[in-house]
Amino acid sequence: MDKTRIGVIGLGTIAQLVHLPIINKLNNVQLVGLAEINKNRLQSIGEKYPSANRYTDYKEMLGSEKLDAVIITTPTNSHTQIAIDSIKAKTNILIEKPIALNVTEAKEISAIAKKNKKIAMVGMNLRFRPDAMLMRSLINAGDLGDIFYIKCGWIRKQSSTQKWFMKKNEAGGGVVIDLGILLLDLALWMLSDSKVESVSIQKYNHTFKEIEDTAIGMIRLDNSKIINFEVSWKLHTKVDGLSFSVHGTKGMAQLNPLQVYKFIESSSIDISPSKSGSSQGLYRKSYENELKHFIANVRTGIPVISSAEEAVKRMELLEKIYISAEQEKEIKM
């Protein structure tokens, strides 16, 4: 088969460190176009990928190149228009999270993708970590029994220092939409079809006026299931990073590193795999798996994981989370 022709729109940190190096190593992919409004950045990054033509206007790239797909890694407030223009140009899209600024925009992207029969995938890379995929397979196999509680957190330095990232009307929010959406997406993915019933969140704006730097909350689901989470750019802990534990009636499992315990009579038996990989290696592998899945979908039409339609549900949850934080009370879905 011919190689899948890819264009990348937006050459910020995530594109430079993750998407472009991985794409460059995939044998079935050809990077044919780069679009970036910053001319200096476009030139410096473009020199590393000579196979790709350079554009300061993504619309020019969409009109000039024969593209099978584009990867959108621009500021959040530009996602919707770029996604719509790309789909109308008969191009499949992978959008870095979050899909858009709000629910209305997310629904618009999902609807136009469906109407034009194009793939619209949203980058929820935690799903593609090898240890997370193994955890979900254990849950689906019933090895942990009925899951009733997920406790998770993500404490790390601020993901970006660019000005747009600190403005609510351009980023959509703070640490909740940056780290929280990934963490909660992973938790809900583990619980498959469980229905969210209510949210109760407390957020803190200690660093910025417009966006939150810390949030702590609880999500109630059907069948008395609970997700408890905390996300922060500023909390001080001994070890920064992601924590994630799933508790069921027959056992529990946690990430970083992957550990699995089964309850047998009055004992807890360790059935953890011998190796789960380093955090850095798993981070890299998650994006490799995500991009390979997207390319496979473009080439073969296999069902997409983390679709725009599913991302709409995540944005609806975020909307309720921010309402709960502002009103300081539990909000029903």
Protein backbone atom coordinates (compact mmCIF):
# COMPACT_ATOMS: atom_id res chain seq x y z
CA MET A 1 0.00 0.00 0.00
CA ASP A 2 1.04 3.59 -0.54
CA LYS A 3 2.28 5.50 2.46
CA THR A 4 -0.23 7.53 4.47
CA ARG A 5 0.35 11.20 3.75
CA ILE A 6 0.34 13.28 6.94
CA GLY A 7 0.42 16.99 7.69
CA VAL A 8 1.02 18.56 11.10
CA ILE A 9 -0.64 21.86 12.04
CA GLY A 10 1.06 23.62 14.95
CA LEU A 11 4.71 23.02 15.83
CA GLY A 12 4.72 23.57 19.57
CA THR A 13 6.35 21.41 22.23
CA ILE A 14 4.12 18.34 21.87
CA ALA A 15 4.62 18.25 18.10
CA GLN A 16 8.39 18.72 18.41
CA LEU A 17 8.99 16.21 21.19
CA VAL A 18 6.41 13.55 20.38
CA HIS A 19 4.46 13.60 17.14
CA LEU A 20 7.11 14.52 14.60
CA PRO A 21 9.88 12.17 15.85
CA ILE A 22 7.45 9.25 16.00
CA ILE A 23 5.91 9.94 12.59
CA ASN A 24 9.38 10.22 11.10
CA LYS A 25 10.13 6.62 12.17
CA LEU A 26 6.92 5.00 10.91
CA ASN A 27 7.56 3.08 7.69
CA ASN A 28 4.00 3.40 6.39
CA VAL A 29 3.78 7.18 6.84
CA GLN A 30 5.10 10.12 4.84
CA LEU A 31 5.26 13.56 6.44
CA VAL A 32 4.36 15.88 3.56
CA GLY A 33 3.42 19.17 5.20
CA LEU A 34 4.10 21.39 8.22
CA ALA A 35 1.95 24.42 9.07
CA GLU A 36 3.00 26.99 11.68
CA ILE A 37 2.31 30.74 11.91
CA ASN A 38 5.66 31.41 13.64
CA LYS A 39 8.06 31.71 10.70
CA ASN A 40 11.23 31.19 12.73
CA ARG A 41 9.87 28.05 14.36
CA LEU A 42 8.61 26.78 11.01
CA GLN A 43 12.05 27.19 9.48
CA SER A 44 14.02 25.64 12.34
CA ILE A 45 11.70 22.64 12.72
CA GLY A 46 11.19 22.30 8.98
CA GLU A 47 14.92 21.88 8.40
CA LYS A 48 14.81 18.67 10.46
CA TYR A 49 12.10 17.20 8.22
CA PRO A 50 13.07 17.99 4.63
CA SER A 51 10.38 15.75 3.13
CA ALA A 52 7.68 18.15 4.36
CA ASN A 53 6.69 21.34 2.60
CA ARG A 54 6.31 24.36 4.90
CA TYR A 55 3.30 26.63 5.23
CA THR A 56 2.52 29.62 7.43
CA ASP A 57 -1.17 29.19 6.54
CA TYR A 58 -2.67 25.75 7.22
CA LYS A 59 -5.43 26.43 4.66
CA GLU A 60 -2.78 26.70 1.97
CA MET A 61 -1.40 23.31 3.02
CA LEU A 62 -4.88 21.76 2.93
CA GLY A 63 -5.40 23.11 -0.58
CA SER A 64 -1.95 22.29 -1.95
CA GLU A 65 -1.11 18.87 -0.51
CA LYS A 66 -2.80 15.53 -1.11
CA LEU A 67 -3.35 14.64 2.54
CA ASP A 68 -4.80 11.52 4.11
CA ALA A 69 -4.76 13.02 7.59
CA VAL A 70 -3.61 15.95 9.69
CA ILE A 71 -2.54 16.18 13.32
CA ILE A 72 -3.74 19.34 15.06
CA THR A 73 -1.48 20.54 17.90
CA THR A 74 -2.38 24.22 18.04
CA PRO A 75 -3.78 26.27 20.99
CA THR A 76 -7.20 25.01 22.07
CA ASN A 77 -9.17 28.02 20.86
CA SER A 78 -8.12 27.29 17.26
CA HIS A 79 -9.03 23.59 17.24
CA THR A 80 -12.61 23.92 16.02
CA GLN A 81 -11.99 26.03 12.93
CA ILE A 82 -8.92 24.04 11.89
CA ALA A 83 -10.78 20.75 12.41
CA ILE A 84 -13.75 21.92 10.33
CA ASP A 85 -11.55 23.23 7.52
CA SER A 86 -9.55 19.99 7.50
CA ILE A 87 -12.62 17.75 7.37
CA LYS A 88 -14.15 19.86 4.59
CA ALA A 89 -10.89 19.34 2.71
CA LYS A 90 -11.65 15.57 2.91
CA THR A 91 -8.93 14.96 5.49
CA ASN A 92 -9.03 12.74 8.60
CA ILE A 93 -7.94 14.43 11.83
CA LEU A 94 -6.23 13.68 15.12
CA ILE A 95 -6.67 16.54 17.60
CA GLU A 96 -4.55 16.89 20.71
CA LYS A 97 -6.74 17.11 23.81
CA PRO A 98 -8.95 18.85 24.64
CA ILE A 99 -11.02 18.56 21.48
CA ALA A 100 -12.23 22.17 21.81
CA LEU A 101 -12.98 25.01 24.21
CA ASN A 102 -16.48 23.83 25.13
CA VAL A 103 -19.28 21.33 24.50
CA THR A 104 -20.84 23.31 21.65
CA GLU A 105 -17.61 23.35 19.65
CA ALA A 106 -16.97 19.66 20.40
CA LYS A 107 -20.41 18.73 19.08
CA GLU A 108 -19.78 20.77 15.95
CA ILE A 109 -16.55 18.89 15.19
CA SER A 110 -18.15 15.51 15.88
CA ALA A 111 -21.18 16.27 13.70
CA ILE A 112 -19.21 17.50 10.70
CA ALA A 113 -16.86 14.50 10.87
CA LYS A 114 -19.83 12.14 10.89
CA LYS A 115 -21.53 14.00 8.04
CA ASN A 116 -18.39 13.87 5.88
CA LYS A 117 -17.54 10.29 6.94
CA LYS A 118 -14.09 11.28 8.18
CA ILE A 119 -12.16 10.09 11.22
CA ALA A 120 -11.98 12.57 14.08
CA MET A 121 -9.84 11.17 16.89
CA VAL A 122 -8.86 13.00 20.07
CA GLY A 123 -5.46 12.43 21.69
CA MET A 124 -6.17 10.71 25.01
CA ASN A 125 -2.75 9.08 25.20
CA LEU A 126 -3.09 7.58 28.70
CA ARG A 127 -5.40 4.95 27.23
CA PHE A 128 -2.54 3.76 25.06
CA ARG A 129 -0.03 3.15 27.84
CA PRO A 130 0.82 -0.59 27.79
CA ASP A 131 0.26 -0.87 31.55
CA ALA A 132 -3.11 0.89 31.34
CA MET A 133 -4.24 -1.38 28.51
CA LEU A 134 -3.24 -4.43 30.55
CA MET A 135 -5.12 -3.05 33.57
CA ARG A 136 -8.28 -2.63 31.50
CA SER A 137 -7.99 -6.15 30.13
CA LEU A 138 -7.82 -7.47 33.71
CA ILE A 139 -10.94 -5.47 34.61
CA ASN A 140 -12.83 -6.65 31.52
CA ALA A 141 -11.86 -10.27 32.26
CA GLY A 142 -13.37 -9.93 35.73
CA ASP A 143 -10.09 -10.65 37.52
CA LEU A 144 -10.64 -7.75 39.93
CA GLY A 145 -14.36 -8.40 40.40
CA ASP A 146 -16.84 -5.52 40.37
CA ILE A 147 -14.97 -2.19 40.31
CA PHE A 148 -16.42 0.24 42.83
CA TYR A 149 -13.67 2.81 43.47
CA ILE A 150 -10.94 4.55 41.46
CA LYS A 151 -8.52 6.87 43.21
CA CYS A 152 -6.27 8.92 40.95
CA GLY A 153 -4.11 12.02 40.88
CA TRP A 154 -1.65 13.87 38.74
CA ILE A 155 0.76 16.40 40.21
CA ARG A 156 3.37 17.86 37.90
CA LYS A 157 4.75 21.16 36.75
CA GLN A 158 2.71 23.37 34.47
CA SER A 159 2.54 21.87 30.97
CA SER A 160 3.22 25.11 29.11
CA THR A 161 4.43 28.64 29.85
CA GLN A 162 3.02 30.16 26.67
CA LYS A 163 0.68 33.13 27.19
CA TRP A 164 -2.36 31.47 25.59
CA PHE A 165 -2.11 28.60 28.09
CA MET A 166 -2.87 30.95 31.00
CA LYS A 167 -5.94 32.56 29.40
CA LYS A 168 -9.28 30.86 29.94
CA ASN A 169 -10.77 32.05 26.66
CA GLU A 170 -7.86 30.51 24.75
CA ALA A 171 -7.08 27.38 26.80
CA GLY A 172 -10.58 26.62 28.09
CA GLY A 173 -9.44 26.31 31.69
CA GLY A 174 -6.47 25.39 33.85
CA VAL A 175 -5.16 22.16 35.30
CA VAL A 176 -8.54 20.42 35.04
CA ILE A 177 -8.67 20.74 31.26
CA ASP A 178 -4.92 20.12 30.99
CA LEU A 179 -4.35 17.09 33.25
CA GLY A 180 -7.78 16.33 34.66
CA ILE A 181 -9.40 15.51 31.34
CA LEU A 182 -6.78 12.84 30.62
CA LEU A 183 -6.99 11.35 34.10
CA LEU A 184 -10.79 11.24 34.16
CA ASP A 185 -10.92 9.89 30.62
CA LEU A 186 -8.70 7.01 31.72
CA ALA A 187 -10.86 6.34 34.79
CA LEU A 188 -14.09 6.35 32.80
CA TRP A 189 -12.49 4.16 30.12
CA MET A 190 -11.66 1.62 32.83
CA LEU A 191 -15.30 1.68 33.94
CA SER A 192 -16.55 1.22 30.37
CA ASP A 193 -20.24 2.06 30.16
CA SER A 194 -20.75 3.38 33.69
CA LYS A 195 -22.93 6.49 33.77
CA VAL A 196 -21.84 9.65 35.58
CA GLU A 197 -24.55 10.85 37.96
CA SER A 198 -22.98 13.84 39.73
CA VAL A 199 -19.77 15.79 40.32
CA SER A 200 -18.46 17.71 43.32
CA ILE A 201 -15.27 19.73 42.87
CA GLN A 202 -13.19 22.30 44.72
CA LYS A 203 -10.68 24.31 42.68
CA TYR A 204 -7.99 26.83 43.65
CA ASN A 205 -6.62 29.81 41.72
CA HIS A 206 -3.53 30.51 43.82
CA THR A 207 -1.24 31.22 40.85
CA PHE A 208 -3.44 32.66 38.11
CA LYS A 209 -6.54 34.81 38.17
CA GLU A 210 -8.28 33.23 35.19
CA ILE A 211 -7.41 29.55 35.51
CA GLU A 212 -7.14 27.03 38.33
CA ASP A 213 -3.79 25.50 39.35
CA THR A 214 -5.28 22.83 41.66
CA ALA A 215 -8.54 20.88 41.78
CA ILE A 216 -9.81 18.13 44.07
CA GLY A 217 -13.05 16.31 43.49
CA MET A 218 -15.34 13.32 43.49
CA ILE A 219 -17.48 11.86 40.72
CA ARG A 220 -20.43 9.61 41.50
CA LEU A 221 -21.47 6.99 38.96
CA ASP A 222 -24.27 4.47 38.74
CA ASN A 223 -24.14 1.32 40.90
CA SER A 224 -22.49 3.34 43.72
CA LYS A 225 -19.14 3.66 41.91
CA ILE A 226 -16.85 6.53 42.86
CA ILE A 227 -13.91 8.32 41.21
CA ASN A 228 -11.82 10.45 43.56
CA PHE A 229 -9.19 12.66 41.93
CA GLU A 230 -6.75 15.50 42.46
CA VAL A 231 -4.79 17.42 39.85
CA SER A 232 -2.31 20.21 40.41
CA TRP A 233 0.60 22.16 38.99
CA LYS A 234 1.50 23.49 42.43
CA LEU A 235 0.98 20.94 45.22
CA HIS A 236 4.26 19.93 46.85
CA THR A 237 4.86 16.20 47.16
CA LYS A 238 7.92 13.98 47.48
CA VAL A 239 7.35 12.49 44.04
CA ASP A 240 5.64 14.36 41.24
CA GLY A 241 3.72 12.25 38.81
CA LEU A 242 0.62 10.24 38.05
CA SER A 243 -1.08 7.92 40.55
CA PHE A 244 -3.93 5.62 39.60
CA SER A 245 -5.48 2.75 41.55
CA VAL A 246 -8.54 0.64 40.79
CA HIS A 247 -10.35 -1.23 43.55
CA GLY A 248 -12.69 -4.15 42.97
CA THR A 249 -14.42 -6.84 45.01
CA LYS A 250 -11.83 -9.47 44.03
CA GLY A 251 -8.65 -7.40 43.88
CA MET A 252 -6.96 -4.12 43.03
CA ALA A 253 -4.45 -2.75 40.55
CA GLN A 254 -2.37 0.40 40.34
CA LEU A 255 -0.08 2.13 37.84
CA ASN A 256 3.45 3.54 38.18
CA PRO A 257 4.58 0.79 38.45
CA LEU A 258 1.84 -1.66 37.48
CA GLN A 259 0.96 -3.77 40.50
CA VAL A 260 -1.93 -6.22 40.71
CA TYR A 261 -3.29 -7.96 43.82
CA LYS A 262 -6.02 -10.59 44.04
CA PHE A 263 -7.94 -11.27 47.23
CA ILE A 264 -8.01 -14.99 48.04
CA GLU A 265 -9.79 -15.82 51.29
CA SER A 266 -8.06 -13.62 53.88
CA SER A 267 -4.88 -13.04 51.85
CA SER A 268 -3.79 -10.55 49.23
CA ILE A 269 -1.78 -12.27 46.48
CA ASP A 270 0.64 -10.25 44.34
CA ILE A 271 0.17 -11.20 40.67
CA SER A 272 1.97 -8.17 39.23
CA PRO A 273 3.84 -8.60 35.93
CA SER A 274 7.61 -8.71 36.29
CA LYS A 275 8.15 -5.60 34.16
CA SER A 276 5.98 -2.61 33.40
CA GLY A 277 8.56 -0.15 32.05
CA SER A 278 9.76 3.26 33.23
CA SER A 279 7.39 6.24 33.42
CA GLN A 280 9.30 7.99 30.63
CA GLY A 281 9.24 4.88 28.46
CA LEU A 282 5.52 4.37 29.03
CA TYR A 283 4.85 8.03 28.17
CA ARG A 284 6.68 7.67 24.88
CA LYS A 285 5.06 4.32 24.13
CA SER A 286 1.59 5.73 24.75
CA TYR A 287 2.03 8.23 21.93
CA GLU A 288 3.57 5.62 19.63
CA ASN A 289 0.57 3.35 20.18
CA GLU A 290 -1.85 6.25 19.76
CA LEU A 291 -0.34 7.37 16.46
CA LYS A 292 -0.08 3.80 15.13
CA HIS A 293 -3.74 3.27 16.00
CA PHE A 294 -4.75 6.47 14.22
CA ILE A 295 -2.75 5.59 11.11
CA ALA A 296 -4.19 2.05 11.09
CA ASN A 297 -7.67 3.53 11.26
CA VAL A 298 -6.97 5.87 8.36
CA ARG A 299 -5.55 2.99 6.30
CA THR A 300 -8.03 0.24 7.14
CA GLY A 301 -11.08 1.80 8.76
CA ILE A 302 -10.84 -0.16 12.03
CA PRO A 303 -12.99 1.33 14.83
CA VAL A 304 -11.30 4.34 16.40
CA ILE A 305 -10.53 4.54 20.10
CA SER A 306 -11.16 7.98 21.64
CA SER A 307 -13.44 9.43 18.98
CA ALA A 308 -14.74 12.99 18.75
CA GLU A 309 -18.18 11.64 19.66
CA GLU A 310 -16.77 10.25 22.91
CA ALA A 311 -14.84 13.49 23.51
CA VAL A 312 -18.17 15.35 23.52
CA LYS A 313 -19.13 13.37 26.66
CA ARG A 314 -15.84 14.33 28.30
CA MET A 315 -16.49 18.00 27.55
CA GLU A 316 -19.99 17.69 29.04
CA LEU A 317 -18.39 16.32 32.20
CA LEU A 318 -15.85 19.17 32.27
CA GLU A 319 -18.67 21.68 31.91
CA LYS A 320 -20.37 20.26 35.03
CA ILE A 321 -17.04 20.15 36.88
CA TYR A 322 -16.47 23.87 36.34
CA ILE A 323 -20.06 24.66 37.35
CA SER A 324 -19.56 22.67 40.56
CA ALA A 325 -16.31 24.52 41.26
CA GLU A 326 -17.88 27.94 40.73
CA GLN A 327 -21.00 27.19 42.80
CA GLU A 328 -19.10 25.10 45.36
CA LYS A 329 -21.73 22.37 45.45
CA GLU A 330 -22.50 18.98 43.96
CA ILE A 331 -23.94 19.14 40.45
CA LYS A 332 -26.14 16.49 38.88
CA MET A 333 -25.41 15.44 35.32
